[in-house]
PDB file of N, CA and C in Angstrom:
ATOM      1  N   MET A   1      41.987  45.529  17.579  1.00  0.00           N
ATOM      2  CA  MET A   1      42.623  45.430  18.873  1.00  0.00           C
ATOM      3  C   MET A   1      42.482  46.856  19.641  1.00  0.00           C
ATOM      4  N   LYS A   2      41.876  46.626  20.880  1.00  0.00           N
ATOM      5  CA  LYS A   2      41.112  47.560  21.464  1.00  0.00           C
ATOM      6  C   LYS A   2      42.310  48.278  22.441  1.00  0.00           C
ATOM      7  N   VAL A   3      42.763  49.301  22.399  1.00  0.00           N
ATOM      8  CA  VAL A   3      43.849  50.047  23.382  1.00  0.00           C
ATOM      9  C   VAL A   3      43.227  49.953  24.605  1.00  0.00           C
ATOM     10  N   LYS A   4      44.014  49.490  25.781  1.00  0.00           N
ATOM     11  CA  LYS A   4      43.791  49.516  26.886  1.00  0.00           C
ATOM     12  C   LYS A   4      44.350  50.863  27.862  1.00  0.00           C
ATOM     13  N   MET A   5      43.608  51.342  28.569  1.00  0.00           N
ATOM     14  CA  MET A   5      44.128  52.673  29.884  1.00  0.00           C
ATOM     15  C   MET A   5      43.601  52.666  30.842  1.00  0.00           C
ATOM     16  N   ARG A   6      44.333  53.296  31.518  1.00  0.00           N
ATOM     17  CA  ARG A   6      44.117  53.059  32.839  1.00  0.00           C
ATOM     18  C   ARG A   6      43.434  54.635  33.373  1.00  0.00           C
ATOM     19  N   ILE A   7      43.081  55.137  34.459  1.00  0.00           N
ATOM     20  CA  ILE A   7      42.056  55.752  34.724  1.00  0.00           C
ATOM     21  C   ILE A   7      42.975  57.339  34.682  1.00  0.00           C
ATOM     22  N   GLY A   8      44.079  57.216  35.029  1.00  0.00           N
ATOM     23  CA  GLY A   8      45.001  58.370  34.520  1.00  0.00           C
ATOM     24  C   GLY A   8      45.045  58.944  32.793  1.00  0.00           C
ATOM     25  N   ASP A   9      44.881  57.699  32.028  1.00  0.00           N
ATOM     26  CA  ASP A   9      45.076  57.730  30.895  1.00  0.00           C
ATOM     27  C   ASP A   9      43.599  58.174  30.335  1.00  0.00           C
ATOM     28  N   LEU A  10      42.722  57.633  30.782  1.00  0.00           N
ATOM     29  CA  LEU A  10      41.144  58.068  30.501  1.00  0.00           C
ATOM     30  C   LEU A  10      41.072  59.804  31.195  1.00  0.00           C
ATOM     31  N   ALA A  11      41.562  60.407  31.889  1.00  0.00           N
ATOM     32  CA  ALA A  11      41.404  61.562  32.790  1.00  0.00           C
ATOM     33  C   ALA A  11      42.049  62.479  31.650  1.00  0.00           C
ATOM     34  N   HIS A  12      43.570  62.290  31.381  1.00  0.00           N
ATOM     35  CA  HIS A  12      43.930  62.847  30.136  1.00  0.00           C
ATOM     36  C   HIS A  12      43.191  63.216  29.027  1.00  0.00           C
ATOM     37  N   GLU A  13      42.754  62.084  28.379  1.00  0.00           N
ATOM     38  CA  GLU A  13      42.024  61.856  27.167  1.00  0.00           C
ATOM     39  C   GLU A  13      40.726  62.789  27.096  1.00  0.00           C
ATOM     40  N   THR A  14      40.151  62.720  28.124  1.00  0.00           N
ATOM     41  CA  THR A  14      38.762  63.379  28.348  1.00  0.00           C
ATOM     42  C   THR A  14      38.876  64.763  29.091  1.00  0.00           C
ATOM     43  N   GLY A  15      39.920  65.260  29.919  1.00  0.00           N
ATOM     44  CA  GLY A  15      39.738  66.497  30.574  1.00  0.00           C
ATOM     45  C   GLY A  15      39.076  66.257  31.843  1.00  0.00           C
ATOM     46  N   VAL A  16      38.916  64.981  32.331  1.00  0.00           N
ATOM     47  CA  VAL A  16      37.781  64.533  32.993  1.00  0.00           C
ATOM     48  C   VAL A  16      38.699  64.272  34.426  1.00  0.00           C
ATOM     49  N   ASN A  17      38.503  64.641  35.634  1.00  0.00           N
ATOM     50  CA  ASN A  17      39.705  64.524  36.862  1.00  0.00           C
ATOM     51  C   ASN A  17      38.684  62.891  37.144  1.00  0.00           C
ATOM     52  N   LYS A  18      39.946  62.400  37.763  1.00  0.00           N
ATOM     53  CA  LYS A  18      39.874  60.832  38.243  1.00  0.00           C
ATOM     54  C   LYS A  18      39.168  60.827  38.906  1.00  0.00           C
ATOM     55  N   ARG A  19      38.438  61.579  40.095  1.00  0.00           N
ATOM     56  CA  ARG A  19      37.545  61.275  41.249  1.00  0.00           C
ATOM     57  C   ARG A  19      35.983  61.250  40.259  1.00  0.00           C
ATOM     58  N   LEU A  20      36.017  62.296  39.546  1.00  0.00           N
ATOM     59  CA  LEU A  20      35.044  62.468  38.563  1.00  0.00           C
ATOM     60  C   LEU A  20      34.531  60.654  37.916  1.00  0.00           C
ATOM     61  N   LEU A  21      35.511  60.365  37.214  1.00  0.00           N
ATOM     62  CA  LEU A  21      35.621  59.537  36.548  1.00  0.00           C
ATOM     63  C   LEU A  21      35.086  58.341  37.573  1.00  0.00           C
ATOM     64  N   ARG A  22      35.704  58.058  39.026  1.00  0.00           N
ATOM     65  CA  ARG A  22      35.199  57.025  39.929  1.00  0.00           C
ATOM     66  C   ARG A  22      33.928  57.201  40.082  1.00  0.00           C
ATOM     67  N   TYR A  23      33.500  58.473  40.306  1.00  0.00           N
ATOM     68  CA  TYR A  23      32.229  58.696  40.687  1.00  0.00           C
ATOM     69  C   TYR A  23      30.868  58.086  39.295  1.00  0.00           C
ATOM     70  N   TYR A  24      31.382  58.617  38.302  1.00  0.00           N
ATOM     71  CA  TYR A  24      30.642  57.912  37.206  1.00  0.00           C
ATOM     72  C   TYR A  24      30.533  56.313  37.305  1.00  0.00           C
ATOM     73  N   GLU A  25      31.650  55.768  37.798  1.00  0.00           N
ATOM     74  CA  GLU A  25      31.551  54.651  37.851  1.00  0.00           C
ATOM     75  C   GLU A  25      30.660  53.889  38.897  1.00  0.00           C
ATOM     76  N   GLU A  26      30.575  54.757  39.857  1.00  0.00           N
ATOM     77  CA  GLU A  26      29.777  54.694  41.269  1.00  0.00           C
ATOM     78  C   GLU A  26      28.398  54.553  40.788  1.00  0.00           C
ATOM     79  N   GLN A  27      28.000  55.456  39.796  1.00  0.00           N
ATOM     80  CA  GLN A  27      26.882  55.939  39.425  1.00  0.00           C
ATOM     81  C   GLN A  27      26.533  54.728  38.225  1.00  0.00           C
ATOM     82  N   GLY A  28      27.074  53.844  38.045  1.00  0.00           N
ATOM     83  CA  GLY A  28      26.688  53.014  36.852  1.00  0.00           C
ATOM     84  C   GLY A  28      26.847  53.488  35.256  1.00  0.00           C
ATOM     85  N   LEU A  29      27.322  54.518  35.310  1.00  0.00           N
ATOM     86  CA  LEU A  29      27.763  55.224  33.821  1.00  0.00           C
ATOM     87  C   LEU A  29      28.882  54.660  33.092  1.00  0.00           C
ATOM     88  N   LEU A  30      29.979  54.245  33.834  1.00  0.00           N
ATOM     89  CA  LEU A  30      31.352  53.818  33.450  1.00  0.00           C
ATOM     90  C   LEU A  30      31.478  52.479  33.775  1.00  0.00           C
ATOM     91  N   LYS A  31      31.562  51.332  32.828  1.00  0.00           N
ATOM     92  CA  LYS A  31      32.015  50.013  33.628  1.00  0.00           C
ATOM     93  C   LYS A  31      33.002  49.541  33.222  1.00  0.00           C
ATOM     94  N   PRO A  32      34.858  49.950  33.799  1.00  0.00           N
ATOM     95  CA  PRO A  32      35.699  49.526  33.473  1.00  0.00           C
ATOM     96  C   PRO A  32      35.904  48.406  34.066  1.00  0.00           C
ATOM     97  N   VAL A  33      36.965  47.204  33.211  1.00  0.00           N
ATOM     98  CA  VAL A  33      37.448  45.943  33.993  1.00  0.00           C
ATOM     99  C   VAL A  33      38.151  46.328  35.239  1.00  0.00           C
ATOM    100  N   ARG A  34      38.022  45.377  36.145  1.00  0.00           N
ATOM    101  CA  ARG A  34      39.036  45.641  37.336  1.00  0.00           C
ATOM    102  C   ARG A  34      40.036  44.550  37.135  1.00  0.00           C
ATOM    103  N   LEU A  35      41.186  44.907  37.081  1.00  0.00           N
ATOM    104  CA  LEU A  35      42.393  43.724  37.280  1.00  0.00           C
ATOM    105  C   LEU A  35      42.313  43.347  38.480  1.00  0.00           C
ATOM    106  N   GLY A  36      43.041  42.511  38.867  1.00  0.00           N
ATOM    107  CA  GLY A  36      43.152  41.546  39.881  1.00  0.00           C
ATOM    108  C   GLY A  36      44.055  42.264  41.030  1.00  0.00           C
ATOM    109  N   ASN A  37      44.710  43.759  40.488  1.00  0.00           N
ATOM    110  CA  ASN A  37      45.325  44.397  41.735  1.00  0.00           C
ATOM    111  C   ASN A  37      44.445  45.686  41.895  1.00  0.00           C
ATOM    112  N   GLY A  38      43.256  45.397  41.419  1.00  0.00           N
ATOM    113  CA  GLY A  38      42.117  46.441  41.797  1.00  0.00           C
ATOM    114  C   GLY A  38      42.264  47.578  40.645  1.00  0.00           C
ATOM    115  N   TYR A  39      42.881  47.711  39.848  1.00  0.00           N
ATOM    116  CA  TYR A  39      43.203  48.800  38.883  1.00  0.00           C
ATOM    117  C   TYR A  39      41.914  48.635  38.194  1.00  0.00           C
ATOM    118  N   ARG A  40      41.621  50.004  37.494  1.00  0.00           N
ATOM    119  CA  ARG A  40      40.539  49.926  36.357  1.00  0.00           C
ATOM    120  C   ARG A  40      41.221  49.885  35.031  1.00  0.00           C
ATOM    121  N   GLU A  41      40.503  49.432  34.142  1.00  0.00           N
ATOM    122  CA  GLU A  41      41.120  49.487  32.695  1.00  0.00           C
ATOM    123  C   GLU A  41      40.172  49.820  31.811  1.00  0.00           C
ATOM    124  N   TYR A  42      40.155  51.165  30.759  1.00  0.00           N
ATOM    125  CA  TYR A  42      39.315  51.380  30.321  1.00  0.00           C
ATOM    126  C   TYR A  42      39.611  51.144  28.799  1.00  0.00           C
ATOM    127  N   THR A  43      38.757  51.376  27.902  1.00  0.00           N
ATOM    128  CA  THR A  43      39.170  51.136  26.437  1.00  0.00           C
ATOM    129  C   THR A  43      38.959  52.680  25.855  1.00  0.00           C
ATOM    130  N   GLU A  44      39.264  52.632  24.520  1.00  0.00           N
ATOM    131  CA  GLU A  44      38.829  53.807  23.650  1.00  0.00           C
ATOM    132  C   GLU A  44      37.644  54.097  23.769  1.00  0.00           C
ATOM    133  N   ALA A  45      36.476  53.066  23.543  1.00  0.00           N
ATOM    134  CA  ALA A  45      35.280  53.163  23.719  1.00  0.00           C
ATOM    135  C   ALA A  45      35.052  54.067  24.833  1.00  0.00           C
ATOM    136  N   ASP A  46      35.539  54.183  25.908  1.00  0.00           N
ATOM    137  CA  ASP A  46      35.150  54.924  27.069  1.00  0.00           C
ATOM    138  C   ASP A  46      35.223  56.337  26.737  1.00  0.00           C
ATOM    139  N   ILE A  47      36.127  56.774  26.293  1.00  0.00           N
ATOM    140  CA  ILE A  47      36.440  58.061  25.964  1.00  0.00           C
ATOM    141  C   ILE A  47      34.897  59.070  25.522  1.00  0.00           C
ATOM    142  N   PRO A  48      34.218  58.701  24.167  1.00  0.00           N
ATOM    143  CA  PRO A  48      33.309  59.270  24.079  1.00  0.00           C
ATOM    144  C   PRO A  48      31.846  58.859  25.260  1.00  0.00           C
ATOM    145  N   THR A  49      32.515  58.001  25.327  1.00  0.00           N
ATOM    146  CA  THR A  49      31.173  57.888  26.935  1.00  0.00           C
ATOM    147  C   THR A  49      31.239  58.674  27.785  1.00  0.00           C
ATOM    148  N   VAL A  50      32.694  59.022  28.230  1.00  0.00           N
ATOM    149  CA  VAL A  50      32.836  60.124  28.988  1.00  0.00           C
ATOM    150  C   VAL A  50      32.218  61.543  28.295  1.00  0.00           C
ATOM    151  N   ARG A  51      32.541  61.916  27.110  1.00  0.00           N
ATOM    152  CA  ARG A  51      32.056  63.187  26.467  1.00  0.00           C
ATOM    153  C   ARG A  51      30.378  63.187  26.678  1.00  0.00           C
ATOM    154  N   HIS A  52      29.686  62.088  26.116  1.00  0.00           N
ATOM    155  CA  HIS A  52      28.461  62.029  26.284  1.00  0.00           C
ATOM    156  C   HIS A  52      27.859  62.034  27.868  1.00  0.00           C
ATOM    157  N   ILE A  53      28.322  61.603  28.650  1.00  0.00           N
ATOM    158  CA  ILE A  53      27.926  61.971  30.093  1.00  0.00           C
ATOM    159  C   ILE A  53      27.971  63.506  30.526  1.00  0.00           C
ATOM    160  N   ARG A  54      29.368  64.098  30.077  1.00  0.00           N
ATOM    161  CA  ARG A  54      29.264  65.240  30.362  1.00  0.00           C
ATOM    162  C   ARG A  54      28.495  66.253  29.817  1.00  0.00           C
ATOM    163  N   ALA A  55      28.236  65.942  28.285  1.00  0.00           N
ATOM    164  CA  ALA A  55      27.295  66.703  27.842  1.00  0.00           C
ATOM    165  C   ALA A  55      25.844  66.622  27.993  1.00  0.00           C
ATOM    166  N   LEU A  56      25.256  65.269  28.321  1.00  0.00           N
ATOM    167  CA  LEU A  56      24.099  65.152  29.150  1.00  0.00           C
ATOM    168  C   LEU A  56      24.011  65.629  30.717  1.00  0.00           C
ATOM    169  N   LEU A  57      24.901  65.718  31.190  1.00  0.00           N
ATOM    170  CA  LEU A  57      25.338  66.681  32.395  1.00  0.00           C
ATOM    171  C   LEU A  57      25.134  67.952  32.055  1.00  0.00           C
ATOM    172  N   ALA A  58      25.797  68.600  31.385  1.00  0.00           N
ATOM    173  CA  ALA A  58      25.366  70.081  31.083  1.00  0.00           C
ATOM    174  C   ALA A  58      24.073  70.544  30.422  1.00  0.00           C
ATOM    175  N   ALA A  59      23.378  69.434  29.953  1.00  0.00           N
ATOM    176  CA  ALA A  59      21.812  69.550  29.545  1.00  0.00           C
ATOM    177  C   ALA A  59      21.096  69.963  30.865  1.00  0.00           C
ATOM    178  N   GLY A  60      21.684  69.371  31.989  1.00  0.00           N
ATOM    179  CA  GLY A  60      20.784  69.331  33.083  1.00  0.00           C
ATOM    180  C   GLY A  60      20.392  67.941  33.519  1.00  0.00           C
ATOM    181  N   LEU A  61      20.982  66.970  32.931  1.00  0.00           N
ATOM    182  CA  LEU A  61      20.369  65.666  33.104  1.00  0.00           C
ATOM    183  C   LEU A  61      20.792  65.171  34.623  1.00  0.00           C
ATOM    184  N   SER A  62      20.229  64.632  35.504  1.00  0.00           N
ATOM    185  CA  SER A  62      20.928  63.818  36.687  1.00  0.00           C
ATOM    186  C   SER A  62      21.635  62.294  36.262  1.00  0.00           C
ATOM    187  N   THR A  63      22.318  62.037  37.221  1.00  0.00           N
ATOM    188  CA  THR A  63      22.986  60.687  36.483  1.00  0.00           C
ATOM    189  C   THR A  63      22.110  59.797  36.429  1.00  0.00           C
ATOM    190  N   THR A  64      21.308  59.644  37.404  1.00  0.00           N
ATOM    191  CA  THR A  64      20.333  58.604  37.443  1.00  0.00           C
ATOM    192  C   THR A  64      19.459  58.429  35.911  1.00  0.00           C
ATOM    193  N   VAL A  65      19.163  59.606  35.281  1.00  0.00           N
ATOM    194  CA  VAL A  65      18.162  59.644  34.131  1.00  0.00           C
ATOM    195  C   VAL A  65      19.457  59.418  32.853  1.00  0.00           C
ATOM    196  N   ILE A  66      20.792  59.857  33.090  1.00  0.00           N
ATOM    197  CA  ILE A  66      21.763  59.516  32.109  1.00  0.00           C
ATOM    198  C   ILE A  66      21.756  58.063  32.235  1.00  0.00           C
ATOM    199  N   ALA A  67      21.917  57.264  33.485  1.00  0.00           N
ATOM    200  CA  ALA A  67      22.040  55.966  33.291  1.00  0.00           C
ATOM    201  C   ALA A  67      21.026  55.101  32.472  1.00  0.00           C
ATOM    202  N   ARG A  68      20.224  56.068  32.501  1.00  0.00           N
ATOM    203  CA  ARG A  68      18.724  55.034  31.641  1.00  0.00           C
ATOM    204  C   ARG A  68      19.011  55.482  29.952  1.00  0.00           C
ATOM    205  N   VAL A  69      19.595  56.695  30.081  1.00  0.00           N
ATOM    206  CA  VAL A  69      19.685  56.883  28.419  1.00  0.00           C
ATOM    207  C   VAL A  69      21.215  56.939  27.792  1.00  0.00           C
ATOM    208  N   LEU A  70      21.996  56.692  28.588  1.00  0.00           N
ATOM    209  CA  LEU A  70      23.228  56.845  27.876  1.00  0.00           C
ATOM    210  C   LEU A  70      23.526  55.900  26.743  1.00  0.00           C
ATOM    211  N   HIS A  71      22.733  54.494  26.922  1.00  0.00           N
ATOM    212  CA  HIS A  71      23.253  53.286  25.575  1.00  0.00           C
ATOM    213  C   HIS A  71      22.333  54.300  24.554  1.00  0.00           C
ATOM    214  N   CYS A  72      21.724  55.072  24.294  1.00  0.00           N
ATOM    215  CA  CYS A  72      20.467  55.773  23.418  1.00  0.00           C
ATOM    216  C   CYS A  72      21.409  56.685  22.695  1.00  0.00           C
ATOM    217  N   VAL A  73      22.521  57.089  23.113  1.00  0.00           N
ATOM    218  CA  VAL A  73      23.491  57.994  22.198  1.00  0.00           C
ATOM    219  C   VAL A  73      24.883  57.395  21.385  1.00  0.00           C
ATOM    220  N   HIS A  74      24.881  58.301  20.367  1.00  0.00           N
ATOM    221  CA  HIS A  74      26.442  57.828  19.886  1.00  0.00           C
ATOM    222  C   HIS A  74      26.933  58.709  19.138  1.00  0.00           C
ATOM    223  N   ASP A  75      28.032  58.919  18.505  1.00  0.00           N
ATOM    224  CA  ASP A  75      28.732  60.109  17.745  1.00  0.00           C
ATOM    225  C   ASP A  75      28.584  60.078  16.471  1.00  0.00           C
ATOM    226  N   ASP A  76      28.137  61.093  15.980  1.00  0.00           N
ATOM    227  CA  ASP A  76      27.792  61.218  14.279  1.00  0.00           C
ATOM    228  C   ASP A  76      28.835  62.562  13.963  1.00  0.00           C
ATOM    229  N   GLY A  77      30.219  62.118  13.869  1.00  0.00           N
ATOM    230  CA  GLY A  77      31.095  63.160  13.763  1.00  0.00           C
ATOM    231  C   GLY A  77      31.090  63.755  14.815  1.00  0.00           C
ATOM    232  N   GLU A  78      31.348  65.012  15.084  1.00  0.00           N
ATOM    233  CA  GLU A  78      31.131  65.970  16.125  1.00  0.00           C
ATOM    234  C   GLU A  78      29.834  65.878  16.969  1.00  0.00           C
ATOM    235  N   LEU A  79      28.884  65.567  16.550  1.00  0.00           N
ATOM    236  CA  LEU A  79      27.451  65.901  17.360  1.00  0.00           C
ATOM    237  C   LEU A  79      27.175  64.442  17.683  1.00  0.00           C
ATOM    238  N   MET A  80      26.586  64.578  19.346  1.00  0.00           N
ATOM    239  CA  MET A  80      26.045  63.300  19.705  1.00  0.00           C
ATOM    240  C   MET A  80      24.456  63.578  19.412  1.00  0.00           C
ATOM    241  N   VAL A  81      24.181  62.352  18.680  1.00  0.00           N
ATOM    242  CA  VAL A  81      22.951  61.777  18.429  1.00  0.00           C
ATOM    243  C   VAL A  81      22.163  60.746  19.143  1.00  0.00           C
ATOM    244  N   SER A  82      20.612  60.611  18.963  1.00  0.00           N
ATOM    245  CA  SER A  82      20.092  59.732  19.693  1.00  0.00           C
ATOM    246  C   SER A  82      20.351  58.384  18.597  1.00  0.00           C
ATOM    247  N   SER A  83      20.021  57.302  18.961  1.00  0.00           N
ATOM    248  CA  SER A  83      20.137  56.003  18.583  1.00  0.00           C
ATOM    249  C   SER A  83      18.483  55.524  18.341  1.00  0.00           C
ATOM    250  N   GLY A  84      17.843  56.388  18.375  1.00  0.00           N
ATOM    251  CA  GLY A  84      16.234  55.840  18.029  1.00  0.00           C
ATOM    252  C   GLY A  84      15.520  55.342  19.332  1.00  0.00           C
ATOM    253  N   CYS A  85      16.075  55.374  20.505  1.00  0.00           N
ATOM    254  CA  CYS A  85      15.518  54.811  21.715  1.00  0.00           C
ATOM    255  C   CYS A  85      14.291  55.909  22.091  1.00  0.00           C
ATOM    256  N   PRO A  86      13.047  55.091  22.059  1.00  0.00           N
ATOM    257  CA  PRO A  86      11.824  56.026  22.409  1.00  0.00           C
ATOM    258  C   PRO A  86      11.943  56.233  23.754  1.00  0.00           C
ATOM    259  N   ALA A  87      12.746  55.521  24.827  1.00  0.00           N
ATOM    260  CA  ALA A  87      12.766  56.266  26.128  1.00  0.00           C
ATOM    261  C   ALA A  87      13.648  57.418  26.202  1.00  0.00           C
ATOM    262  N   PHE A  88      14.503  57.514  25.246  1.00  0.00           N
ATOM    263  CA  PHE A  88      15.528  58.474  25.275  1.00  0.00           C
ATOM    264  C   PHE A  88      14.885  60.041  25.206  1.00  0.00           C
ATOM    265  N   ILE A  89      13.528  59.568  23.990  1.00  0.00           N
ATOM    266  CA  ILE A  89      12.947  61.337  24.022  1.00  0.00           C
ATOM    267  C   ILE A  89      12.409  61.392  24.978  1.00  0.00           C
ATOM    268  N   GLU A  90      11.366  60.216  25.451  1.00  0.00           N
ATOM    269  CA  GLU A  90      10.568  60.860  26.752  1.00  0.00           C
ATOM    270  C   GLU A  90      11.384  61.311  27.924  1.00  0.00           C
ATOM    271  N   ASP A  91      12.448  60.727  28.259  1.00  0.00           N
ATOM    272  CA  ASP A  91      13.018  61.263  29.460  1.00  0.00           C
ATOM    273  C   ASP A  91      13.540  62.594  28.926  1.00  0.00           C
ATOM    274  N   LEU A  92      14.227  62.808  28.088  1.00  0.00           N
ATOM    275  CA  LEU A  92      14.167  64.491  27.640  1.00  0.00           C
ATOM    276  C   LEU A  92      13.435  65.399  27.392  1.00  0.00           C
ATOM    277  N   ARG A  93      12.033  64.775  26.966  1.00  0.00           N
ATOM    278  CA  ARG A  93      10.667  65.616  26.969  1.00  0.00           C
ATOM    279  C   ARG A  93      10.689  66.001  28.518  1.00  0.00           C
ATOM    280  N   ARG A  94      10.688  65.059  29.459  1.00  0.00           N
ATOM    281  CA  ARG A  94      10.092  65.067  30.695  1.00  0.00           C
ATOM    282  C   ARG A  94      11.355  66.223  31.610  1.00  0.00           C
ATOM    283  N   GLU A  95      12.542  65.980  30.993  1.00  0.00           N
ATOM    284  CA  GLU A  95      13.785  66.732  31.738  1.00  0.00           C
ATOM    285  C   GLU A  95      13.736  68.286  31.183  1.00  0.00           C
ATOM    286  N   ARG A  96      13.106  68.420  29.747  1.00  0.00           N
ATOM    287  CA  ARG A  96      12.966  69.707  29.519  1.00  0.00           C
ATOM    288  C   ARG A  96      11.946  70.476  30.229  1.00  0.00           C
ATOM    289  N   ALA A  97      10.654  69.772  30.402  1.00  0.00           N
ATOM    290  CA  ALA A  97       9.704  70.585  31.028  1.00  0.00           C
ATOM    291  C   ALA A  97       9.770  70.952  32.480  1.00  0.00           C
ATOM    292  N   HIS A  98      10.508  70.032  33.166  1.00  0.00           N
ATOM    293  CA  HIS A  98      11.150  70.160  34.712  1.00  0.00           C
ATOM    294  C   HIS A  98      12.119  71.491  34.584  1.00  0.00           C
ATOM    295  N   ILE A  99      12.994  71.609  33.540  1.00  0.00           N
ATOM    296  CA  ILE A  99      13.845  72.761  33.318  1.00  0.00           C
ATOM    297  C   ILE A  99      13.034  74.128  33.461  1.00  0.00           C
ATOM    298  N   ALA A 100      12.330  73.714  32.436  1.00  0.00           N
ATOM    299  CA  ALA A 100      11.542  75.140  31.731  1.00  0.00           C
ATOM    300  C   ALA A 100      10.633  75.526  33.166  1.00  0.00           C
ATOM    301  N   GLU A 101       9.982  74.253  34.071  1.00  0.00           N
ATOM    302  CA  GLU A 101       9.312  74.940  35.261  1.00  0.00           C
ATOM    303  C   GLU A 101      10.285  75.755  36.050  1.00  0.00           C
ATOM    304  N   MET A 102      11.468  75.289  36.505  1.00  0.00           N
ATOM    305  CA  MET A 102      12.520  75.639  37.195  1.00  0.00           C
ATOM    306  C   MET A 102      12.912  77.364  36.765  1.00  0.00           C
ATOM    307  N   ILE A 103      13.096  77.096  35.326  1.00  0.00           N
ATOM    308  CA  ILE A 103      13.413  78.454  34.801  1.00  0.00           C
ATOM    309  C   ILE A 103      11.974  79.729  35.187  1.00  0.00           C
ATOM    310  N   ALA A 104      10.621  79.121  35.115  1.00  0.00           N
ATOM    311  CA  ALA A 104       9.683  79.923  35.505  1.00  0.00           C
ATOM    312  C   ALA A 104       9.672  80.214  36.759  1.00  0.00           C
ATOM    313  N   GLN A 105       9.884  79.383  37.800  1.00  0.00           N
ATOM    314  CA  GLN A 105       9.963  79.615  39.120  1.00  0.00           C
ATOM    315  C   GLN A 105      11.362  80.531  39.578  1.00  0.00           C
ATOM    316  N   LEU A 106      12.187  80.278  38.881  1.00  0.00           N
ATOM    317  CA  LEU A 106      13.528  81.581  38.936  1.00  0.00           C
ATOM    318  C   LEU A 106      13.056  82.844  38.504  1.00  0.00           C
ATOM    319  N   GLN A 107      12.565  82.847  37.306  1.00  0.00           N
ATOM    320  CA  GLN A 107      12.245  84.454  36.970  1.00  0.00           C
ATOM    321  C   GLN A 107      11.165  84.963  37.622  1.00  0.00           C
ATOM    322  N   SER A 108      10.212  84.179  38.264  1.00  0.00           N
ATOM    323  CA  SER A 108       9.356  84.413  39.570  1.00  0.00           C
ATOM    324  C   SER A 108      10.020  85.541  41.016  1.00  0.00           C
ATOM    325  N   SER A 109      10.907  84.360  41.137  1.00  0.00           N
ATOM    326  CA  SER A 109      12.054  84.916  42.245  1.00  0.00           C
ATOM    327  C   SER A 109      12.722  86.044  41.724  1.00  0.00           C
ATOM    328  N   GLN A 110      12.968  86.399  40.551  1.00  0.00           N
ATOM    329  CA  GLN A 110      13.656  87.377  40.096  1.00  0.00           C
ATOM    330  C   GLN A 110      12.791  88.744  40.191  1.00  0.00           C
ATOM    331  N   LYS A 111      11.520  88.376  39.821  1.00  0.00           N
ATOM    332  CA  LYS A 111      10.624  89.395  39.793  1.00  0.00           C
ATOM    333  C   LYS A 111      10.447  89.921  41.094  1.00  0.00           C
ATOM    334  N   VAL A 112      10.150  89.337  42.020  1.00  0.00           N
ATOM    335  CA  VAL A 112      10.096  89.638  43.728  1.00  0.00           C
ATOM    336  C   VAL A 112      11.354  90.399  44.069  1.00  0.00           C
ATOM    337  N   LEU A 113      12.370  89.560  43.978  1.00  0.00           N
ATOM    338  CA  LEU A 113      13.693  90.493  44.073  1.00  0.00           C
ATOM    339  C   LEU A 113      13.978  91.896  43.507  1.00  0.00           C
ATOM    340  N   ASP A 114      13.443  92.007  42.380  1.00  0.00           N
ATOM    341  CA  ASP A 114      13.687  93.019  41.559  1.00  0.00           C
ATOM    342  C   ASP A 114      12.641  93.929  41.878  1.00  0.00           C
ATOM    343  N   THR A 115      11.300  93.653  42.669  1.00  0.00           N
ATOM    344  CA  THR A 115      10.142  94.500  43.606  1.00  0.00           C
ATOM    345  C   THR A 115      10.820  95.279  44.757  1.00  0.00           C
ATOM    346  N   ILE A 116      11.722  94.269  45.514  1.00  0.00           N
ATOM    347  CA  ILE A 116      11.908  94.593  47.174  1.00  0.00           C
ATOM    348  C   ILE A 116      13.252  95.192  46.742  1.00  0.00           C
ATOM    349  N   LEU A 117      14.200  95.187  45.730  1.00  0.00           N
ATOM    350  CA  LEU A 117      15.479  95.950  45.399  1.00  0.00           C
ATOM    351  C   LEU A 117      15.088  97.225  44.975  1.00  0.00           C
ATOM    352  N   ASP A 118      13.825  97.399  44.075  1.00  0.00           N
ATOM    353  CA  ASP A 118      13.531  98.712  43.479  1.00  0.00           C
ATOM    354  C   ASP A 118      13.027  99.714  44.845  1.00  0.00           C
ATOM    355  N   ALA A 119      12.270  99.122  45.670  1.00  0.00           N
ATOM    356  CA  ALA A 119      11.512  99.425  46.754  1.00  0.00           C
ATOM    357  C   ALA A 119      13.043 100.058  47.676  1.00  0.00           C
ATOM    358  N   ALA A 120      13.764  99.332  48.208  1.00  0.00           N
ATOM    359  CA  ALA A 120      15.386  99.542  48.800  1.00  0.00           C
ATOM    360  C   ALA A 120      15.599 100.703  48.341  1.00  0.00           C
ATOM    361  N   LEU A 121      16.175 100.861  46.878  1.00  0.00           N
ATOM    362  CA  LEU A 121      17.072 102.114  46.388  1.00  0.00           C
ATOM    363  C   LEU A 121      16.115 103.294  46.397  1.00  0.00           C
ATOM    364  N   GLN A 122      14.797 102.982  46.299  1.00  0.00           N
ATOM    365  CA  GLN A 122      13.902 104.357  46.456  1.00  0.00           C
ATOM    366  C   GLN A 122      13.841 104.801  47.761  1.00  0.00           C
ATOM    367  N   GLU A 123      13.829 104.068  48.715  1.00  0.00           N
ATOM    368  CA  GLU A 123      13.829 104.379  50.137  1.00  0.00           C
ATOM    369  C   GLU A 123      15.446 104.799  50.282  1.00  0.00           C
ATOM    370  N   ALA A 124      16.320 104.533  49.991  1.00  0.00           N
ATOM    371  CA  ALA A 124      17.637 104.751  49.868  1.00  0.00           C
ATOM    372  C   ALA A 124      18.068 106.271  49.234  1.00  0.00           C
ATOM    373  N   SER A 125      17.418 106.372  48.455  1.00  0.00           N
ATOM    374  CA  SER A 125      17.593 107.795  47.501  1.00  0.00           C
ATOM    375  C   SER A 125      16.815 108.870  48.605  1.00  0.00           C
ATOM    376  N   ARG A 126      15.976 108.640  49.087  1.00  0.00           N
ATOM    377  CA  ARG A 126      15.142 109.334  49.694  1.00  0.00           C
ATOM    378  C   ARG A 126      15.891 109.962  51.293  1.00  0.00           C
ATOM    379  N   GLY A 127      16.749 109.000  51.691  1.00  0.00           N
ATOM    380  CA  GLY A 127      17.198 109.479  53.172  1.00  0.00           C
ATOM    381  C   GLY A 127      18.749 109.929  52.605  1.00  0.00           C
TER     382      GLY A 127
END
């Protein structure tokens, strides 16, 4: 028998606030049953789903990408692992390349700021 819970219970179990859980639903990441009174009803299976969403967000994936690949992951003990979806691997590679490009851009910006800061500090020490 599946244990059913309300949004407050899921928030408590996952440490994710209700507002974010509603946002995940809006993005199609969570699909609770809607009761006649409008309340959302979740199951225990939603607990690892929320944890997967959080892990994928922490990895830098957008909710759009997560919506495409969320069905591709499951828990293997404490680790989230791929269920063998080829799309998952391609999306991860694409997102990793995007993050690497952003890192390179940030490092370039950092070098420019370092140069400007060094010049400003040299000027300040002369004056």
